[in-house]
Amino acid sequence: MHFSSCLCALLVALVYQVSGMDTVIGLYGETVEVPCNNGAPKPKDLFMTKWKYDDGDLLTQLKDQDASVIATDKYKDRVSMAENSSLLIAAATLKDEKTFTCMVVAGADISEYPVKLLIHKAPTGVEITTLATELEIGKPTQLGQCSTSDANPAASITWFKNKKPLVADGKGIIISSNVKVDEVTGLTTTSSTLQYSAEKGDTKALFTCGALNTLSSPVSFTVTYPTERISLHVISKGPLMEGDNVTLKCKADGNPPPTSFNFHILGKVVKVENSDSYTVTNVTRESTGEYKCSIIDNAKMEDSKNITINYLNISLSPSGKIIKSFGEGLALTLQTHASGELKVSWTKDNGKLDSSPKFDKLTYSDSGKYEVVVTMGALIKKASFELVVEGVPVIRRVAKRRGEDGQHKVLTCEAEGSPKPTVAWNVNGTSADESPYVNGKITHKLTIVPTVNLTVVCTVSNELGQDTRTINVSTLFEEVRMDKQDSSDEGDTTKLVVGVIVGLLLATVAVGLAYWLYVKKSKQGSWKTGEKEEGSTEESKKLEEKIEEKLEENSQKVEV
């Protein structure tokens, strides 16, 4: 009887084969697939497939039949068999982490394939809590606590500063972790505490923590450190000038910065609370000097600046609107007082002058607006005056010419004066043309057709006075008659005119010679008899007048 039992056991051992154990990882809460024989195809002579675990059978399937659930425990409504004989477990939990065995009966062979099932779950979130209010340089401070929950296996937490991992060194960086298991779900919560010794560069640093591929929101901290250096700044646009307001600003590198300072203003100490600035108003050239600022509770921590107050003053005489007479002189004086090298430039009516204007003898062209610009670096001062040169109008020239068509004559009267003169003629004419009034000068042209010989008068006037000039104009009819003579008469006429002109010139010379002899004789007689020369002079004037009348008469006769 004993021998038979041993033989039966040996036979069973020969057909009962157990393969090596596989491991499958499933996701928490999902349907897990546990493969049979690592997913190998079903044998051709398959008779039965059965799934079981240590606490009992789960389900079985005979050839060409549907699988039957035989479990009566928690798996009764959660297990099923796939087409390829894999075990399907719905709503996986950590309690499903066990070994499941697939038993396959094919022909006379019985094979079992055990599979170890592991359930994993990623953490649900990562966040930093218990934040420090501030960090102090060189002082280890608990920065915060990073936590992640509902994970399996327990999550590993890493700290980052500006996206770079922090490695614990036991001094400036100390990291401690803790893992807690939920009694109901079996999931773990991991927390990590960072103790950190801050540096100045951490003022704007961003700290995060992460587990797997999940990162927390970044956090930053106020880093405090004592003041080590202060600096004095002068708040001003451009160079400082007399009359400006100068603002001094004292900056400290501490955090938080000091709120009260002492300002040293040319030997005087001014205490300023709840501000880092002080304004010196209406500075003068005497305000040039050394200025300082310091911390109230540490006078040795100070900074200084040398401040220069620039000044540029100019005085121009005369100024405003100046009215002078033609031919007068005008003394121009420019006085400057400055703290540096100057550049002086002049303009007249916005046009640049090569040098300073001088007015020894004023002319109408000197009228205009003058401006002087004095610069010292970026500083600019300006002064100006308006000069008006006035004078009684004077006729400089009267002239006449025959028109191009020979049918009229053009009279020209050129004058100058200020204010602008008015031009008038004593005859009527056409095509009156007046030139622009520039530099006190004006030219007026009048077209006339003289029918008789005329003496034409040009009169120019303004509110200061007037001037007149005359010009003799011959008739055009006489000229036309002479032009119409035939060619044979032209030669005789020309000879006659030339002869008349020569005769008149000889007569003029004779009269002049007679006058010279007469004057000489008169002076000799006066020397001899002791008579006064006044009488002779009066006679000489009368003779001169007769000669001028004769010359004028001759000129009218020969005029074309």
Protein backbone atom coordinates (compact mmCIF):
# COMPACT_ATOMS: atom_id res chain seq x y z
CA MET A 1 0.00 0.00 0.00
CA HIS A 2 2.83 2.34 0.83
CA PHE A 3 4.66 1.49 -2.36
CA SER A 4 1.58 2.21 -4.53
CA SER A 5 1.18 5.64 -3.02
CA CYS A 6 4.77 6.56 -3.75
CA LEU A 7 4.42 5.39 -7.33
CA CYS A 8 1.35 7.54 -7.89
CA ALA A 9 3.12 10.59 -6.50
CA LEU A 10 6.07 10.04 -8.79
CA LEU A 11 3.81 9.86 -11.85
CA VAL A 12 2.08 13.06 -10.90
CA ALA A 13 5.46 14.80 -10.48
CA LEU A 14 6.49 13.80 -13.94
CA VAL A 15 3.47 15.47 -15.63
CA TYR A 16 3.17 18.43 -13.27
CA GLN A 17 5.61 21.13 -14.47
CA VAL A 18 6.04 24.63 -12.92
CA SER A 19 7.67 27.35 -15.02
CA GLY A 20 9.78 30.32 -13.78
CA MET A 21 7.85 33.24 -12.20
CA ASP A 22 7.10 36.41 -14.25
CA THR A 23 6.31 39.92 -12.88
CA VAL A 24 3.59 42.24 -14.17
CA ILE A 25 3.04 45.89 -13.18
CA GLY A 26 -0.49 47.26 -13.25
CA LEU A 27 -1.84 50.77 -12.68
CA TYR A 28 -3.87 51.60 -9.62
CA GLY A 29 -7.60 51.82 -10.33
CA GLU A 30 -7.25 50.44 -13.85
CA THR A 31 -8.05 46.97 -15.30
CA VAL A 32 -4.94 44.83 -15.02
CA GLU A 33 -4.09 42.08 -17.54
CA VAL A 34 -2.07 39.14 -16.21
CA PRO A 35 -0.81 36.99 -19.15
CA CYS A 36 -0.83 33.19 -19.12
CA ASN A 37 2.47 31.57 -20.07
CA ASN A 38 3.79 35.04 -20.91
CA GLY A 39 1.17 35.35 -23.69
CA ALA A 40 2.26 32.20 -25.59
CA PRO A 41 -0.27 30.65 -28.07
CA LYS A 42 -2.67 28.04 -26.71
CA PRO A 43 -1.57 24.41 -27.20
CA LYS A 44 -3.48 22.40 -29.87
CA ASP A 45 -4.59 19.68 -27.46
CA LEU A 46 -5.74 22.16 -24.77
CA PHE A 47 -8.30 20.63 -22.45
CA MET A 48 -8.63 23.21 -19.66
CA THR A 49 -7.31 26.58 -18.43
CA LYS A 50 -7.63 27.58 -14.80
CA TRP A 51 -6.60 30.72 -12.79
CA LYS A 52 -6.05 30.59 -9.06
CA TYR A 53 -4.15 32.26 -6.22
CA ASP A 54 -3.10 31.27 -2.73
CA ASP A 55 -6.55 31.77 -1.22
CA GLY A 56 -8.49 29.83 -3.83
CA ASP A 57 -9.59 29.39 -7.41
CA LEU A 58 -10.75 32.28 -9.52
CA LEU A 59 -12.14 30.92 -12.81
CA THR A 60 -11.84 27.99 -15.22
CA GLN A 61 -12.45 27.36 -18.94
CA LEU A 62 -12.85 24.06 -20.79
CA LYS A 63 -12.05 23.66 -24.47
CA ASP A 64 -14.60 25.29 -26.74
CA GLN A 65 -16.54 26.62 -23.75
CA ASP A 66 -16.86 30.02 -22.03
CA ALA A 67 -14.93 30.73 -18.87
CA SER A 68 -16.75 30.19 -15.57
CA VAL A 69 -16.07 32.29 -12.47
CA ILE A 70 -15.72 30.06 -9.46
CA ALA A 71 -14.41 32.72 -7.01
CA THR A 72 -16.64 33.52 -4.09
CA ASP A 73 -14.59 36.30 -2.42
CA LYS A 74 -13.71 39.87 -3.44
CA TYR A 75 -12.76 38.70 -6.94
CA LYS A 76 -16.21 37.31 -7.74
CA ASP A 77 -17.28 40.39 -9.69
CA ARG A 78 -13.84 41.66 -10.73
CA VAL A 79 -12.21 38.86 -12.69
CA SER A 80 -12.64 37.62 -16.25
CA MET A 81 -10.61 35.75 -18.87
CA ALA A 82 -9.42 37.25 -22.13
CA GLU A 83 -9.42 35.43 -25.49
CA ASN A 84 -5.72 34.66 -25.11
CA SER A 85 -6.39 33.15 -21.63
CA SER A 86 -5.01 36.23 -19.75
CA LEU A 87 -6.53 37.05 -16.37
CA LEU A 88 -8.31 40.42 -16.26
CA ILE A 89 -8.73 42.14 -12.87
CA ALA A 90 -10.86 45.30 -12.78
CA ALA A 91 -10.32 48.31 -10.47
CA ALA A 92 -6.91 47.19 -9.27
CA THR A 93 -5.84 48.11 -5.73
CA LEU A 94 -2.72 47.55 -3.68
CA LYS A 95 -4.41 44.48 -2.17
CA ASP A 96 -4.10 42.85 -5.59
CA GLU A 97 -0.31 42.74 -5.22
CA LYS A 98 0.07 38.91 -4.98
CA THR A 99 0.98 35.90 -7.10
CA PHE A 100 -1.60 34.56 -9.56
CA THR A 101 -1.12 31.14 -11.22
CA CYS A 102 -2.35 30.01 -14.64
CA MET A 103 -2.81 26.19 -14.85
CA VAL A 104 -2.98 24.66 -18.35
CA VAL A 105 -4.08 21.01 -18.98
CA ALA A 106 -3.12 19.82 -22.46
CA GLY A 107 -3.26 16.07 -23.27
CA ALA A 108 -1.59 14.23 -20.41
CA ASP A 109 0.43 17.32 -19.32
CA ILE A 110 -0.43 19.76 -16.57
CA SER A 111 1.57 23.08 -16.53
CA GLU A 112 1.43 26.01 -14.11
CA TYR A 113 2.65 29.57 -14.79
CA PRO A 114 2.84 31.78 -11.68
CA VAL A 115 2.84 35.61 -12.23
CA LYS A 116 3.66 38.21 -9.56
CA LEU A 117 1.43 41.32 -9.86
CA LEU A 118 2.64 44.74 -8.67
CA ILE A 119 0.39 47.83 -8.55
CA HIS A 120 1.91 51.28 -9.15
CA LYS A 121 0.39 54.74 -8.74
CA ALA A 122 1.90 58.14 -9.60
CA PRO A 123 1.60 60.91 -7.00
CA THR A 124 -1.46 63.11 -7.39
CA GLY A 125 0.37 66.44 -6.89
CA VAL A 126 3.47 68.26 -5.61
CA GLU A 127 3.36 71.45 -3.58
CA ILE A 128 5.55 73.50 -1.25
CA THR A 129 4.05 74.47 2.08
CA THR A 130 5.24 75.92 5.39
CA LEU A 131 7.17 78.65 3.57
CA ALA A 132 9.72 80.81 5.37
CA THR A 133 8.85 84.52 5.64
CA GLU A 134 12.35 85.55 4.61
CA LEU A 135 15.87 84.20 4.24
CA GLU A 136 18.90 85.69 5.95
CA ILE A 137 22.31 85.49 4.34
CA GLY A 138 24.57 82.95 6.04
CA LYS A 139 21.87 81.73 8.42
CA PRO A 140 20.38 78.22 7.82
CA THR A 141 16.61 78.59 7.57
CA GLN A 142 13.88 76.07 6.84
CA LEU A 143 12.81 77.23 3.40
CA GLY A 144 9.69 75.04 3.17
CA GLN A 145 8.21 71.54 3.04
CA CYS A 146 7.49 69.73 -0.23
CA SER A 147 4.78 67.05 -0.20
CA THR A 148 3.32 64.54 -2.66
CA SER A 149 0.57 62.04 -1.81
CA ASP A 150 -1.22 58.84 -2.97
CA ALA A 151 1.78 57.19 -4.57
CA ASN A 152 3.03 53.65 -4.83
CA PRO A 153 5.83 52.96 -4.51
CA ALA A 154 6.74 55.95 -2.32
CA ALA A 155 7.82 58.98 -4.41
CA SER A 156 11.32 60.46 -4.28
CA ILE A 157 11.37 64.27 -4.00
CA THR A 158 14.06 66.53 -5.51
CA TRP A 159 14.55 70.26 -4.73
CA PHE A 160 15.53 72.77 -7.45
CA LYS A 161 16.84 76.35 -7.48
CA ASN A 162 16.41 78.13 -10.80
CA LYS A 163 15.68 74.70 -12.38
CA LYS A 164 18.97 73.20 -11.13
CA PRO A 165 18.85 70.31 -8.59
CA LEU A 166 20.01 71.06 -5.05
CA VAL A 167 22.36 68.50 -3.52
CA ALA A 168 22.51 68.20 0.25
CA ASP A 169 25.92 69.04 1.67
CA GLY A 170 25.05 68.99 5.36
CA LYS A 171 25.92 72.69 5.74
CA GLY A 172 24.24 75.21 3.48
CA ILE A 173 21.78 72.65 2.08
CA ILE A 174 20.13 70.09 4.39
CA ILE A 175 17.32 67.86 3.03
CA SER A 176 15.27 65.46 5.15
CA SER A 177 12.44 63.18 3.91
CA ASN A 178 9.54 61.28 5.50
CA VAL A 179 7.13 58.64 4.09
CA LYS A 180 3.65 57.92 5.52
CA VAL A 181 1.40 54.99 4.45
CA ASP A 182 -2.38 55.33 4.31
CA GLU A 183 -3.90 52.52 6.42
CA VAL A 184 -6.93 52.17 4.12
CA THR A 185 -5.48 52.47 0.61
CA GLY A 186 -1.90 51.52 1.31
CA LEU A 187 -0.75 54.53 -0.75
CA THR A 188 2.12 56.63 0.55
CA THR A 189 2.60 60.34 1.18
CA THR A 190 6.18 61.64 0.94
CA SER A 191 7.32 64.94 2.46
CA SER A 192 10.72 66.60 2.14
CA THR A 193 12.04 69.55 4.17
CA LEU A 194 14.73 71.91 2.83
CA GLN A 195 16.93 73.86 5.21
CA TYR A 196 18.85 76.49 3.24
CA SER A 197 21.52 79.11 3.89
CA ALA A 198 20.83 82.00 1.49
CA GLU A 199 23.25 84.10 -0.55
CA LYS A 200 22.85 87.62 -2.00
CA GLY A 201 22.13 86.18 -5.41
CA ASP A 202 19.05 84.38 -4.04
CA THR A 203 17.03 87.60 -3.93
CA LYS A 204 15.33 86.75 -7.22
CA ALA A 205 15.87 82.97 -7.16
CA LEU A 206 12.94 80.61 -7.86
CA PHE A 207 12.67 77.40 -5.82
CA THR A 208 10.66 74.32 -6.88
CA CYS A 209 10.40 70.66 -5.93
CA GLY A 210 9.40 67.65 -8.03
CA ALA A 211 8.55 63.97 -7.99
CA LEU A 212 8.75 61.89 -11.15
CA ASN A 213 7.67 64.29 -13.92
CA THR A 214 5.59 66.55 -11.69
CA LEU A 215 6.88 69.95 -10.48
CA SER A 216 5.50 72.29 -7.88
CA SER A 217 4.75 75.95 -8.50
CA PRO A 218 7.87 78.16 -8.06
CA VAL A 219 8.32 80.22 -4.92
CA SER A 220 10.68 83.11 -4.14
CA PHE A 221 11.85 84.69 -0.91
CA THR A 222 12.97 87.99 0.49
CA VAL A 223 16.63 87.70 1.30
CA THR A 224 17.80 89.98 4.10
CA TYR A 225 21.35 91.13 4.66
CA PRO A 226 22.99 94.07 6.41
CA THR A 227 24.25 97.18 4.59
CA GLU A 228 27.88 96.91 3.58
CA ARG A 229 28.22 99.90 1.27
CA ILE A 230 26.33 103.09 0.43
CA SER A 231 26.62 105.44 -2.55
CA LEU A 232 25.63 109.08 -3.07
CA HIS A 233 23.97 110.01 -6.37
CA VAL A 234 23.21 113.45 -7.79
CA ILE A 235 19.87 113.46 -9.59
CA SER A 236 20.05 116.14 -12.28
CA LYS A 237 19.54 116.53 -16.00
CA GLY A 238 22.65 118.04 -17.53
CA PRO A 239 25.16 120.33 -15.82
CA LEU A 240 24.09 122.10 -12.66
CA MET A 241 23.38 125.80 -13.02
CA GLU A 242 22.79 128.60 -10.60
CA GLY A 243 19.15 128.64 -9.57
CA ASP A 244 18.68 124.90 -10.08
CA ASN A 245 17.35 122.49 -7.47
CA VAL A 246 19.80 119.63 -6.77
CA THR A 247 18.45 116.32 -5.44
CA LEU A 248 20.84 114.03 -3.55
CA LYS A 249 19.97 110.32 -3.27
CA CYS A 250 21.70 107.93 -0.88
CA LYS A 251 21.56 104.26 -1.90
CA ALA A 252 22.46 101.35 0.41
CA ASP A 253 23.08 97.73 -0.62
CA GLY A 254 21.38 96.26 2.48
CA ASN A 255 18.03 94.47 2.36
CA PRO A 256 15.83 95.87 3.62
CA PRO A 257 17.63 99.18 2.95
CA PRO A 258 18.00 101.83 5.65
CA THR A 259 15.13 104.31 5.85
CA SER A 260 16.97 107.25 7.46
CA PHE A 261 20.16 109.06 6.49
CA ASN A 262 22.34 112.02 7.40
CA PHE A 263 23.13 114.41 4.55
CA HIS A 264 26.19 116.61 4.95
CA ILE A 265 25.54 119.85 3.04
CA LEU A 266 28.70 121.99 2.97
CA GLY A 267 29.49 121.26 6.61
CA LYS A 268 25.88 121.26 7.79
CA VAL A 269 24.28 117.92 8.81
CA VAL A 270 20.65 117.37 7.81
CA LYS A 271 18.83 114.31 9.19
CA VAL A 272 16.26 112.77 6.83
CA GLU A 273 13.87 110.07 8.06
CA ASN A 274 11.72 107.69 5.99
CA SER A 275 13.42 108.83 2.80
CA ASP A 276 16.70 108.35 0.99
CA SER A 277 16.67 111.74 -0.79
CA TYR A 278 17.28 115.38 0.01
CA THR A 279 16.88 118.41 -2.29
CA VAL A 280 19.03 121.54 -2.13
CA THR A 281 17.02 124.39 -3.65
CA ASN A 282 18.13 127.43 -5.63
CA VAL A 283 21.85 126.66 -5.63
CA THR A 284 24.45 129.35 -6.37
CA ARG A 285 28.08 129.29 -7.41
CA GLU A 286 28.94 129.30 -3.71
CA SER A 287 27.18 125.92 -3.46
CA THR A 288 30.13 124.26 -5.20
CA GLY A 289 31.84 121.80 -2.85
CA GLU A 290 31.80 118.34 -1.25
CA TYR A 291 28.51 116.68 -0.27
CA LYS A 292 28.11 113.49 1.82
CA CYS A 293 25.53 111.02 3.05
CA SER A 294 25.81 108.41 5.81
CA ILE A 295 23.72 105.94 7.81
CA ILE A 296 22.38 107.45 11.02
CA ASP A 297 23.46 104.56 13.24
CA ASN A 298 26.84 104.13 11.52
CA ALA A 299 28.50 107.43 10.62
CA LYS A 300 31.59 105.66 9.27
CA MET A 301 29.57 104.15 6.45
CA GLU A 302 29.37 107.15 4.10
CA ASP A 303 29.91 108.31 0.54
CA SER A 304 30.74 111.73 -0.91
CA LYS A 305 30.55 113.64 -4.17
CA ASN A 306 32.12 116.89 -5.33
CA ILE A 307 29.47 119.05 -6.95
CA THR A 308 30.24 121.99 -9.23
CA ILE A 309 27.61 124.64 -9.81
CA ASN A 310 28.15 126.18 -13.22
CA TYR A 311 27.18 129.73 -14.01
CA LEU A 312 26.88 131.70 -17.20
CA ASN A 313 25.66 135.28 -17.13
CA ILE A 314 25.63 137.67 -20.06
CA SER A 315 24.68 141.33 -20.41
CA LEU A 316 24.13 142.96 -23.79
CA SER A 317 23.94 146.73 -24.24
CA PRO A 318 21.92 148.08 -25.91
CA SER A 319 18.91 145.78 -25.89
CA GLY A 320 15.33 145.89 -27.06
CA LYS A 321 14.42 148.07 -30.05
CA ILE A 322 17.02 150.70 -30.94
CA ILE A 323 16.23 153.54 -33.38
CA LYS A 324 19.25 155.43 -34.74
CA SER A 325 19.83 157.97 -37.51
CA PHE A 326 21.70 157.28 -40.71
CA GLY A 327 25.41 157.98 -40.33
CA GLU A 328 25.41 157.81 -36.53
CA GLY A 329 27.58 155.43 -34.52
CA LEU A 330 26.36 152.75 -32.08
CA ALA A 331 28.48 151.38 -29.25
CA LEU A 332 27.81 147.65 -28.66
CA THR A 333 28.91 146.02 -25.38
CA LEU A 334 28.67 142.33 -24.41
CA GLN A 335 29.69 141.38 -20.87
CA THR A 336 30.03 137.73 -19.78
CA HIS A 337 30.58 136.01 -16.43
CA ALA A 338 31.08 132.26 -16.61
CA SER A 339 32.71 129.32 -14.86
CA GLY A 340 34.28 127.91 -18.02
CA GLU A 341 35.41 128.56 -21.57
CA LEU A 342 32.89 130.33 -23.76
CA LYS A 343 31.92 130.35 -27.42
CA VAL A 344 30.21 133.43 -28.83
CA SER A 345 28.30 133.57 -32.10
CA TRP A 346 26.16 136.30 -33.72
CA THR A 347 23.27 136.20 -36.14
CA LYS A 348 21.43 138.90 -38.04
CA ASP A 349 17.89 138.09 -39.10
CA ASN A 350 18.72 134.40 -38.43
CA GLY A 351 21.75 134.54 -40.73
CA LYS A 352 25.15 133.76 -39.21
CA LEU A 353 27.70 136.57 -38.97
CA ASP A 354 31.42 135.95 -39.28
CA SER A 355 32.27 138.31 -36.42
CA SER A 356 30.74 140.61 -33.85
CA PRO A 357 28.88 143.51 -35.46
CA LYS A 358 30.46 147.00 -35.37
CA PHE A 359 28.56 150.20 -36.04
CA ASP A 360 30.98 153.10 -36.54
CA LYS A 361 28.77 154.78 -39.14
CA LEU A 362 25.29 153.30 -39.52
CA THR A 363 23.78 152.57 -42.90
CA TYR A 364 20.31 151.40 -43.77
CA SER A 365 21.63 147.89 -44.41
CA ASP A 366 22.57 147.68 -40.72
CA SER A 367 18.88 147.51 -39.78
CA GLY A 368 17.74 144.10 -38.51
CA LYS A 369 17.39 141.81 -35.52
CA TYR A 370 20.71 140.81 -33.94
CA GLU A 371 21.09 137.89 -31.58
CA VAL A 372 24.14 136.72 -29.66
CA VAL A 373 24.43 133.11 -28.47
CA VAL A 374 26.93 132.34 -25.71
CA THR A 375 27.63 128.67 -24.99
CA MET A 376 29.62 126.93 -22.31
CA GLY A 377 29.46 123.21 -22.92
CA ALA A 378 25.78 122.33 -22.83
CA LEU A 379 24.80 125.67 -21.28
CA ILE A 380 23.36 128.32 -23.58
CA LYS A 381 22.44 131.96 -22.99
CA LYS A 382 20.98 134.33 -25.58
CA ALA A 383 20.44 138.07 -25.88
CA SER A 384 19.19 140.23 -28.73
CA PHE A 385 18.29 143.69 -29.91
CA GLU A 386 16.51 145.15 -32.92
CA LEU A 387 18.23 147.98 -34.77
CA VAL A 388 16.27 150.42 -36.92
CA VAL A 389 18.28 152.98 -38.92
CA GLU A 390 16.21 156.00 -40.01
CA GLY A 391 17.04 158.96 -42.23
CA VAL A 392 15.67 161.67 -44.51
CA PRO A 393 15.29 160.22 -48.01
CA VAL A 394 18.00 161.17 -50.51
CA ILE A 395 17.86 160.75 -54.27
CA ARG A 396 21.06 159.12 -55.39
CA ARG A 397 20.45 159.17 -59.13
CA VAL A 398 17.92 160.16 -61.77
CA ALA A 399 18.27 158.84 -65.29
CA LYS A 400 16.43 158.58 -68.59
CA ARG A 401 16.57 156.24 -71.55
CA ARG A 402 14.73 155.80 -74.78
CA GLY A 403 12.36 152.82 -74.93
CA GLU A 404 13.22 149.85 -77.08
CA ASP A 405 10.37 150.61 -79.47
CA GLY A 406 11.46 154.27 -79.71
CA GLN A 407 7.93 155.42 -78.86
CA HIS A 408 8.46 156.36 -75.19
CA LYS A 409 11.05 157.28 -72.63
CA VAL A 410 11.74 155.53 -69.28
CA LEU A 411 12.65 157.70 -66.31
CA THR A 412 14.43 156.22 -63.30
CA CYS A 413 14.66 157.69 -59.81
CA GLU A 414 16.89 155.87 -57.27
CA ALA A 415 16.65 156.89 -53.62
CA GLU A 416 17.34 155.66 -50.13
CA GLY A 417 15.91 156.48 -46.76
CA SER A 418 14.01 155.07 -43.80
CA PRO A 419 11.13 154.71 -43.15
CA LYS A 420 10.38 153.62 -46.69
CA PRO A 421 10.18 156.73 -48.95
CA THR A 422 7.26 157.52 -51.21
CA VAL A 423 8.24 158.40 -54.82
CA ALA A 424 6.30 161.01 -56.82
CA TRP A 425 6.78 162.59 -60.25
CA ASN A 426 5.51 165.98 -61.50
CA VAL A 427 4.35 164.40 -64.76
CA ASN A 428 1.90 161.66 -65.58
CA GLY A 429 3.08 158.42 -67.03
CA THR A 430 2.33 154.75 -67.41
CA SER A 431 3.88 151.44 -66.40
CA ALA A 432 5.02 152.72 -63.03
CA ASP A 433 7.38 150.09 -61.57
CA GLU A 434 8.79 150.09 -58.06
CA SER A 435 11.59 147.76 -56.94
CA PRO A 436 11.52 145.91 -53.57
CA TYR A 437 12.55 148.05 -50.61
CA VAL A 438 15.82 146.49 -49.46
CA ASN A 439 18.44 147.97 -47.12
CA GLY A 440 16.74 151.35 -47.30
CA LYS A 441 16.99 151.55 -51.09
CA ILE A 442 14.18 151.90 -53.62
CA THR A 443 14.09 152.43 -57.40
CA HIS A 444 11.07 153.85 -59.21
CA LYS A 445 10.60 153.79 -63.00
CA LEU A 446 8.07 155.80 -65.01
CA THR A 447 7.25 155.50 -68.70
CA ILE A 448 6.25 158.74 -70.51
CA VAL A 449 5.66 159.95 -74.06
CA PRO A 450 6.89 163.59 -74.10
CA THR A 451 5.26 165.78 -76.74
CA VAL A 452 7.34 168.83 -75.78
CA ASN A 453 10.62 169.37 -74.03
CA LEU A 454 10.09 168.81 -70.30
CA THR A 455 11.82 169.41 -67.01
CA VAL A 456 10.77 166.43 -64.90
CA VAL A 457 10.98 166.48 -61.10
CA CYS A 458 11.30 163.34 -58.92
CA THR A 459 10.30 163.83 -55.28
CA VAL A 460 10.92 161.27 -52.51
CA SER A 461 9.55 161.76 -49.01
CA ASN A 462 8.92 160.10 -45.68
CA GLU A 463 7.90 161.31 -42.24
CA LEU A 464 11.40 162.73 -41.68
CA GLY A 465 11.65 164.91 -44.82
CA GLN A 466 12.00 164.89 -48.58
CA ASP A 467 14.40 165.36 -51.50
CA THR A 468 13.92 166.39 -55.16
CA ARG A 469 15.91 166.08 -58.37
CA THR A 470 15.16 167.34 -61.87
CA ILE A 471 15.97 165.98 -65.29
CA ASN A 472 15.44 167.55 -68.76
CA VAL A 473 13.55 165.38 -71.24
CA SER A 474 13.28 166.33 -74.93
CA THR A 475 10.21 165.70 -77.07
CA LEU A 476 9.98 162.52 -79.11
CA PHE A 477 8.49 164.35 -82.17
CA GLU A 478 11.66 166.23 -82.92
CA GLU A 479 13.61 162.99 -82.68
CA VAL A 480 11.14 161.25 -84.97
CA ARG A 481 11.41 164.11 -87.58
CA MET A 482 15.15 163.80 -87.61
CA ASP A 483 14.91 160.02 -87.97
CA LYS A 484 12.63 160.36 -91.05
CA GLN A 485 15.04 162.46 -93.17
CA ASP A 486 16.35 160.71 -96.28
CA SER A 487 19.75 159.17 -96.49
CA SER A 488 21.30 162.10 -98.45
CA ASP A 489 20.32 164.54 -95.77
CA GLU A 490 21.48 162.26 -93.01
CA GLY A 491 25.13 162.79 -93.90
CA ASP A 492 24.77 166.57 -94.05
CA THR A 493 22.73 166.61 -90.91
CA THR A 494 25.29 164.52 -89.12
CA LYS A 495 28.07 166.81 -90.25
CA LEU A 496 26.04 169.83 -89.19
CA VAL A 497 25.35 168.35 -85.75
CA VAL A 498 28.99 167.45 -85.28
CA GLY A 499 30.00 170.96 -86.31
CA VAL A 500 27.56 172.51 -83.88
CA ILE A 501 28.79 170.33 -81.07
CA VAL A 502 32.43 171.16 -81.81
CA GLY A 503 31.57 174.86 -81.97
CA LEU A 504 29.78 174.74 -78.68
CA LEU A 505 32.67 172.95 -77.06
CA LEU A 506 35.14 175.54 -78.37
CA ALA A 507 32.87 178.34 -77.12
CA THR A 508 32.73 176.70 -73.72
CA VAL A 509 36.52 176.47 -73.59
CA ALA A 510 36.81 180.15 -74.61
CA VAL A 511 34.41 181.22 -71.90
CA GLY A 512 36.27 179.19 -69.34
CA LEU A 513 39.60 180.70 -70.37
CA ALA A 514 38.16 184.19 -70.17
CA TYR A 515 36.83 183.45 -66.73
CA TRP A 516 40.24 182.23 -65.56
CA LEU A 517 42.00 185.33 -66.87
CA TYR A 518 39.39 187.52 -65.27
CA VAL A 519 39.77 185.87 -61.87
CA LYS A 520 43.53 186.10 -62.06
CA LYS A 521 43.43 189.73 -63.04
CA SER A 522 40.95 190.54 -60.30
CA LYS A 523 43.17 188.93 -57.66
CA GLN A 524 46.25 190.78 -58.91
CA GLY A 525 44.46 194.10 -58.84
CA SER A 526 43.26 193.44 -55.33
CA TRP A 527 46.84 192.70 -54.23
CA LYS A 528 48.07 195.83 -55.78
CA THR A 529 45.42 198.26 -54.51
CA GLY A 530 44.71 196.56 -51.19
CA GLU A 531 41.01 195.98 -52.03
CA LYS A 532 39.10 193.15 -50.35
CA GLU A 533 38.44 189.96 -52.30
CA GLU A 534 34.76 189.69 -51.37
CA GLY A 535 33.66 191.72 -54.37
CA SER A 536 35.77 189.69 -56.73
CA THR A 537 34.29 186.54 -55.31
CA GLU A 538 30.77 187.80 -55.87
CA GLU A 539 31.59 188.66 -59.46
CA SER A 540 33.15 185.23 -59.88
CA LYS A 541 29.96 183.57 -58.70
CA LYS A 542 27.90 185.55 -61.16
CA LEU A 543 30.23 184.58 -63.98
CA GLU A 544 30.03 180.90 -62.92
CA GLU A 545 26.23 181.02 -62.99
CA LYS A 546 26.29 182.47 -66.51
CA ILE A 547 28.68 179.73 -67.64
CA GLU A 548 26.46 176.99 -66.12
CA GLU A 549 23.39 178.46 -67.83
CA LYS A 550 25.26 178.50 -71.12
CA LEU A 551 26.37 174.89 -70.68
CA GLU A 552 22.83 173.77 -69.81
CA GLU A 553 21.47 175.61 -72.89
CA ASN A 554 24.09 173.95 -75.09
CA SER A 555 23.34 170.53 -73.65
CA GLN A 556 19.64 170.91 -74.46
CA LYS A 557 20.48 171.85 -78.02
CA VAL A 558 22.64 168.81 -78.63
CA GLU A 559 20.36 166.35 -76.79
CA VAL A 560 18.94 163.56 -78.93
